[in-house]
PDB file of all heavy atoms in Angstrom:
ATOM      1  N   TYR A   1     -24.164  63.838-141.917  1.00  0.00           N
ATOM      2  CA  TYR A   1     -25.229  63.321-142.772  1.00  0.00           C
ATOM      3  C   TYR A   1     -25.218  64.000-144.147  1.00  0.00           C
ATOM      4  O   TYR A   1     -25.404  63.336-145.180  1.00  0.00           O
ATOM      5  CB  TYR A   1     -26.585  63.510-142.090  1.00  0.00           C
ATOM      6  CG  TYR A   1     -26.732  62.651-140.857  1.00  0.00           C
ATOM      7  CD1 TYR A   1     -26.347  63.137-139.605  1.00  0.00           C
ATOM      8  CD2 TYR A   1     -27.220  61.361-140.938  1.00  0.00           C
ATOM      9  CE1 TYR A   1     -26.457  62.344-138.469  1.00  0.00           C
ATOM     10  CE2 TYR A   1     -27.341  60.558-139.812  1.00  0.00           C
ATOM     11  CZ  TYR A   1     -26.951  61.061-138.578  1.00  0.00           C
ATOM     12  OH  TYR A   1     -27.064  60.276-137.457  1.00  0.00           O
ATOM     13  N   VAL A   2     -24.984  65.295-144.163  1.00  0.00           N
ATOM     14  CA  VAL A   2     -24.898  66.025-145.430  1.00  0.00           C
ATOM     15  C   VAL A   2     -23.688  65.549-146.234  1.00  0.00           C
ATOM     16  O   VAL A   2     -23.772  65.322-147.447  1.00  0.00           O
ATOM     17  CB  VAL A   2     -24.841  67.546-145.173  1.00  0.00           C
ATOM     18  CG1 VAL A   2     -24.474  68.302-146.463  1.00  0.00           C
ATOM     19  CG2 VAL A   2     -26.171  68.043-144.634  1.00  0.00           C
ATOM     20  N   ALA A   3     -22.541  65.399-145.554  1.00  0.00           N
ATOM     21  CA  ALA A   3     -21.337  64.931-146.238  1.00  0.00           C
ATOM     22  C   ALA A   3     -21.543  63.533-146.814  1.00  0.00           C
ATOM     23  O   ALA A   3     -21.123  63.241-147.943  1.00  0.00           O
ATOM     24  CB  ALA A   3     -20.148  64.945-145.281  1.00  0.00           C
ATOM     25  N   GLU A   4     -22.196  62.660-146.057  1.00  0.00           N
ATOM     26  CA  GLU A   4     -22.461  61.303-146.533  1.00  0.00           C
ATOM     27  C   GLU A   4     -23.434  61.320-147.719  1.00  0.00           C
ATOM     28  O   GLU A   4     -23.303  60.534-148.662  1.00  0.00           O
ATOM     29  CB  GLU A   4     -23.014  60.440-145.399  1.00  0.00           C
ATOM     30  CG  GLU A   4     -23.417  59.025-145.808  1.00  0.00           C
ATOM     31  CD  GLU A   4     -22.291  58.190-146.376  1.00  0.00           C
ATOM     32  OE1 GLU A   4     -21.101  58.494-146.108  1.00  0.00           O
ATOM     33  OE2 GLU A   4     -22.596  57.225-147.120  1.00  0.00           O
ATOM     34  N   ALA A   5     -24.426  62.208-147.672  1.00  0.00           N
ATOM     35  CA  ALA A   5     -25.357  62.327-148.793  1.00  0.00           C
ATOM     36  C   ALA A   5     -24.608  62.710-150.069  1.00  0.00           C
ATOM     37  O   ALA A   5     -24.874  62.159-151.149  1.00  0.00           O
ATOM     38  CB  ALA A   5     -26.440  63.354-148.483  1.00  0.00           C
ATOM     39  N   LYS A   6     -23.673  63.644-149.963  1.00  0.00           N
ATOM     40  CA  LYS A   6     -22.877  64.022-151.128  1.00  0.00           C
ATOM     41  C   LYS A   6     -22.091  62.821-151.652  1.00  0.00           C
ATOM     42  O   LYS A   6     -22.017  62.592-152.865  1.00  0.00           O
ATOM     43  CB  LYS A   6     -21.925  65.169-150.768  1.00  0.00           C
ATOM     44  CG  LYS A   6     -22.628  66.501-150.569  1.00  0.00           C
ATOM     45  CD  LYS A   6     -21.705  67.532-149.958  1.00  0.00           C
ATOM     46  CE  LYS A   6     -20.710  68.071-150.928  1.00  0.00           C
ATOM     47  NZ  LYS A   6     -19.879  69.168-150.314  1.00  0.00           N
ATOM     48  N   ARG A   7     -21.524  62.040-150.734  1.00  0.00           N
ATOM     49  CA  ARG A   7     -20.747  60.873-151.146  1.00  0.00           C
ATOM     50  C   ARG A   7     -21.614  59.880-151.907  1.00  0.00           C
ATOM     51  O   ARG A   7     -21.224  59.362-152.959  1.00  0.00           O
ATOM     52  CB  ARG A   7     -20.121  60.193-149.930  1.00  0.00           C
ATOM     53  CG  ARG A   7     -19.089  59.127-150.284  1.00  0.00           C
ATOM     54  CD  ARG A   7     -18.678  58.327-149.063  1.00  0.00           C
ATOM     55  NE  ARG A   7     -19.758  57.481-148.581  1.00  0.00           N
ATOM     56  CZ  ARG A   7     -20.097  56.322-149.136  1.00  0.00           C
ATOM     57  NH1 ARG A   7     -19.441  55.848-150.174  1.00  0.00           N
ATOM     58  NH2 ARG A   7     -21.099  55.624-148.641  1.00  0.00           N
ATOM     59  N   GLN A   8     -22.817  59.626-151.386  1.00  0.00           N
ATOM     60  CA  GLN A   8     -23.695  58.652-152.032  1.00  0.00           C
ATOM     61  C   GLN A   8     -24.288  59.158-153.341  1.00  0.00           C
ATOM     62  O   GLN A   8     -24.607  58.372-154.230  1.00  0.00           O
ATOM     63  CB  GLN A   8     -24.812  58.252-151.066  1.00  0.00           C
ATOM     64  CG  GLN A   8     -24.329  57.440-149.877  1.00  0.00           C
ATOM     65  CD  GLN A   8     -25.459  56.834-149.050  1.00  0.00           C
ATOM     66  OE1 GLN A   8     -26.571  56.656-149.523  1.00  0.00           O
ATOM     67  NE2 GLN A   8     -25.177  56.518-147.800  1.00  0.00           N
ATOM     68  N   LEU A   9     -24.426  60.468-153.463  1.00  0.00           N
ATOM     69  CA  LEU A   9     -25.013  61.041-154.669  1.00  0.00           C
ATOM     70  C   LEU A   9     -23.982  61.303-155.765  1.00  0.00           C
ATOM     71  O   LEU A   9     -24.350  61.586-156.905  1.00  0.00           O
ATOM     72  CB  LEU A   9     -25.740  62.348-154.326  1.00  0.00           C
ATOM     73  CG  LEU A   9     -27.031  62.178-153.515  1.00  0.00           C
ATOM     74  CD1 LEU A   9     -27.440  63.512-152.899  1.00  0.00           C
ATOM     75  CD2 LEU A   9     -28.148  61.614-154.385  1.00  0.00           C
ATOM     76  N   PHE A  10     -22.698  61.216-155.431  1.00  0.00           N
ATOM     77  CA  PHE A  10     -21.660  61.448-156.423  1.00  0.00           C
ATOM     78  C   PHE A  10     -21.770  60.422-157.562  1.00  0.00           C
ATOM     79  O   PHE A  10     -21.887  59.229-157.352  1.00  0.00           O
ATOM     80  CB  PHE A  10     -20.273  61.348-155.794  1.00  0.00           C
ATOM     81  CG  PHE A  10     -19.159  61.490-156.788  1.00  0.00           C
ATOM     82  CD1 PHE A  10     -18.981  62.680-157.467  1.00  0.00           C
ATOM     83  CD2 PHE A  10     -18.302  60.438-157.060  1.00  0.00           C
ATOM     84  CE1 PHE A  10     -17.966  62.814-158.405  1.00  0.00           C
ATOM     85  CE2 PHE A  10     -17.288  60.566-157.989  1.00  0.00           C
ATOM     86  CZ  PHE A  10     -17.114  61.761-158.657  1.00  0.00           C
ATOM     87  N   GLY A  11     -21.728  60.924-158.758  1.00  0.00           N
ATOM     88  CA  GLY A  11     -21.941  60.103-159.950  1.00  0.00           C
ATOM     89  C   GLY A  11     -23.285  60.450-160.557  1.00  0.00           C
ATOM     90  O   GLY A  11     -23.371  60.671-161.763  1.00  0.00           O
ATOM     91  N   ARG A  12     -24.310  60.502-159.702  1.00  0.00           N
ATOM     92  CA  ARG A  12     -25.602  61.017-160.164  1.00  0.00           C
ATOM     93  C   ARG A  12     -25.452  62.505-160.469  1.00  0.00           C
ATOM     94  O   ARG A  12     -25.997  63.016-161.451  1.00  0.00           O
ATOM     95  CB  ARG A  12     -26.670  60.773-159.096  1.00  0.00           C
ATOM     96  CG  ARG A  12     -28.084  61.201-159.448  1.00  0.00           C
ATOM     97  CD  ARG A  12     -28.668  60.352-160.560  1.00  0.00           C
ATOM     98  NE  ARG A  12     -30.058  60.693-160.818  1.00  0.00           N
ATOM     99  CZ  ARG A  12     -31.074  59.941-160.424  1.00  0.00           C
ATOM    100  NH1 ARG A  12     -30.845  58.818-159.763  1.00  0.00           N
ATOM    101  NH2 ARG A  12     -32.300  60.289-160.690  1.00  0.00           N
ATOM    102  N   VAL A  13     -24.731  63.195-159.622  1.00  0.00           N
ATOM    103  CA  VAL A  13     -24.339  64.587-159.833  1.00  0.00           C
ATOM    104  C   VAL A  13     -22.876  64.723-159.465  1.00  0.00           C
ATOM    105  O   VAL A  13     -22.300  63.844-158.826  1.00  0.00           O
ATOM    106  CB  VAL A  13     -25.175  65.568-158.979  1.00  0.00           C
ATOM    107  CG1 VAL A  13     -26.625  65.578-159.410  1.00  0.00           C
ATOM    108  CG2 VAL A  13     -25.050  65.234-157.493  1.00  0.00           C
ATOM    109  N   GLY A  14     -22.266  65.825-159.848  1.00  0.00           N
ATOM    110  CA  GLY A  14     -20.933  66.125-159.384  1.00  0.00           C
ATOM    111  C   GLY A  14     -20.989  66.677-157.972  1.00  0.00           C
ATOM    112  O   GLY A  14     -22.014  67.178-157.524  1.00  0.00           O
ATOM    113  N   ILE A  15     -19.895  66.573-157.251  1.00  0.00           N
ATOM    114  CA  ILE A  15     -19.784  67.232-155.946  1.00  0.00           C
ATOM    115  C   ILE A  15     -18.485  68.012-155.916  1.00  0.00           C
ATOM    116  O   ILE A  15     -17.551  67.731-156.674  1.00  0.00           O
ATOM    117  CB  ILE A  15     -19.848  66.247-154.766  1.00  0.00           C
ATOM    118  CG1 ILE A  15     -18.634  65.313-154.756  1.00  0.00           C
ATOM    119  CG2 ILE A  15     -21.145  65.459-154.774  1.00  0.00           C
ATOM    120  CD1 ILE A  15     -18.483  64.547-153.431  1.00  0.00           C
ATOM    121  N   ASP A  16     -18.466  69.020-155.059  1.00  0.00           N
ATOM    122  CA  ASP A  16     -17.239  69.791-154.922  1.00  0.00           C
ATOM    123  C   ASP A  16     -16.182  68.966-154.192  1.00  0.00           C
ATOM    124  O   ASP A  16     -15.084  68.729-154.692  1.00  0.00           O
ATOM    125  CB  ASP A  16     -17.493  71.120-154.210  1.00  0.00           C
ATOM    126  CG  ASP A  16     -18.284  70.970-152.900  1.00  0.00           C
ATOM    127  OD1 ASP A  16     -18.768  69.861-152.589  1.00  0.00           O
ATOM    128  OD2 ASP A  16     -18.444  71.979-152.187  1.00  0.00           O
ATOM    129  N   LEU A  17     -16.514  68.460-153.026  1.00  0.00           N
ATOM    130  CA  LEU A  17     -15.622  67.663-152.192  1.00  0.00           C
ATOM    131  C   LEU A  17     -16.417  67.212-150.974  1.00  0.00           C
ATOM    132  O   LEU A  17     -17.542  67.680-150.751  1.00  0.00           O
ATOM    133  CB  LEU A  17     -14.402  68.482-151.752  1.00  0.00           C
ATOM    134  CG  LEU A  17     -14.684  69.709-150.878  1.00  0.00           C
ATOM    135  CD1 LEU A  17     -13.536  69.960-149.936  1.00  0.00           C
ATOM    136  CD2 LEU A  17     -14.855  70.961-151.749  1.00  0.00           C
ATOM    137  N   LEU A  18     -15.828  66.314-150.195  1.00  0.00           N
ATOM    138  CA  LEU A  18     -16.467  65.893-148.948  1.00  0.00           C
ATOM    139  C   LEU A  18     -16.058  66.873-147.858  1.00  0.00           C
ATOM    140  O   LEU A  18     -14.894  66.904-147.445  1.00  0.00           O
ATOM    141  CB  LEU A  18     -16.059  64.466-148.601  1.00  0.00           C
ATOM    142  CG  LEU A  18     -16.508  63.407-149.629  1.00  0.00           C
ATOM    143  CD1 LEU A  18     -15.989  62.036-149.239  1.00  0.00           C
ATOM    144  CD2 LEU A  18     -18.017  63.386-149.781  1.00  0.00           C
ATOM    145  N   ALA A  19     -17.027  67.679-147.402  1.00  0.00           N
ATOM    146  CA  ALA A  19     -16.728  68.770-146.481  1.00  0.00           C
ATOM    147  C   ALA A  19     -17.615  68.688-145.251  1.00  0.00           C
ATOM    148  O   ALA A  19     -18.789  69.051-145.296  1.00  0.00           O
ATOM    149  CB  ALA A  19     -16.925  70.115-147.181  1.00  0.00           C
ATOM    150  N   GLY A  20     -17.072  68.190-144.163  1.00  0.00           N
ATOM    151  CA  GLY A  20     -17.790  68.158-142.909  1.00  0.00           C
ATOM    152  C   GLY A  20     -17.773  66.778-142.266  1.00  0.00           C
ATOM    153  O   GLY A  20     -17.591  65.783-142.959  1.00  0.00           O
ATOM    154  N   PRO A  21     -17.921  66.727-140.944  1.00  0.00           N
ATOM    155  CA  PRO A  21     -17.926  67.848-139.997  1.00  0.00           C
ATOM    156  C   PRO A  21     -16.566  68.548-139.958  1.00  0.00           C
ATOM    157  O   PRO A  21     -15.555  67.964-140.347  1.00  0.00           O
ATOM    158  CB  PRO A  21     -18.232  67.188-138.638  1.00  0.00           C
ATOM    159  CG  PRO A  21     -18.803  65.858-138.970  1.00  0.00           C
ATOM    160  CD  PRO A  21     -18.163  65.447-140.260  1.00  0.00           C
ATOM    161  N   THR A  22     -16.574  69.779-139.468  1.00  0.00           N
ATOM    162  CA  THR A  22     -15.375  70.605-139.517  1.00  0.00           C
ATOM    163  C   THR A  22     -14.266  70.050-138.637  1.00  0.00           C
ATOM    164  O   THR A  22     -14.507  69.359-137.645  1.00  0.00           O
ATOM    165  CB  THR A  22     -15.705  72.056-139.124  1.00  0.00           C
ATOM    166  OG1 THR A  22     -14.612  72.908-139.514  1.00  0.00           O
ATOM    167  CG2 THR A  22     -15.931  72.184-137.617  1.00  0.00           C
ATOM    168  N   GLU A  23     -13.022  70.364-139.014  1.00  0.00           N
ATOM    169  CA  GLU A  23     -11.825  69.927-138.293  1.00  0.00           C
ATOM    170  C   GLU A  23     -10.871  71.115-138.153  1.00  0.00           C
ATOM    171  O   GLU A  23     -10.801  71.967-139.041  1.00  0.00           O
ATOM    172  CB  GLU A  23     -11.081  68.834-139.065  1.00  0.00           C
ATOM    173  CG  GLU A  23     -11.911  67.631-139.471  1.00  0.00           C
ATOM    174  CD  GLU A  23     -11.246  66.820-140.564  1.00  0.00           C
ATOM    175  OE1 GLU A  23     -10.277  67.302-141.208  1.00  0.00           O
ATOM    176  OE2 GLU A  23     -11.703  65.684-140.780  1.00  0.00           O
ATOM    177  N   THR A  24     -10.114  71.132-137.059  1.00  0.00           N
ATOM    178  CA  THR A  24      -9.064  72.144-136.945  1.00  0.00           C
ATOM    179  C   THR A  24      -7.826  71.528-136.319  1.00  0.00           C
ATOM    180  O   THR A  24      -7.903  70.681-135.424  1.00  0.00           O
ATOM    181  CB  THR A  24      -9.533  73.366-136.128  1.00  0.00           C
ATOM    182  OG1 THR A  24      -8.627  74.454-136.337  1.00  0.00           O
ATOM    183  CG2 THR A  24      -9.624  73.046-134.636  1.00  0.00           C
ATOM    184  N   LEU A  25      -6.673  71.941-136.836  1.00  0.00           N
ATOM    185  CA  LEU A  25      -5.374  71.528-136.323  1.00  0.00           C
ATOM    186  C   LEU A  25      -4.570  72.786-136.049  1.00  0.00           C
ATOM    187  O   LEU A  25      -4.409  73.629-136.933  1.00  0.00           O
ATOM    188  CB  LEU A  25      -4.651  70.651-137.343  1.00  0.00           C
ATOM    189  CG  LEU A  25      -3.168  70.349-137.069  1.00  0.00           C
ATOM    190  CD1 LEU A  25      -3.017  69.461-135.834  1.00  0.00           C
ATOM    191  CD2 LEU A  25      -2.512  69.689-138.282  1.00  0.00           C
TER     192      LEU A  25
END
């Protein structure tokens, strides 16, 4: 939900990147 909020708010503000949920390989 936080990652999606950043995606939708991008343009209104800058974002660092889309981060989450965490992944490991």
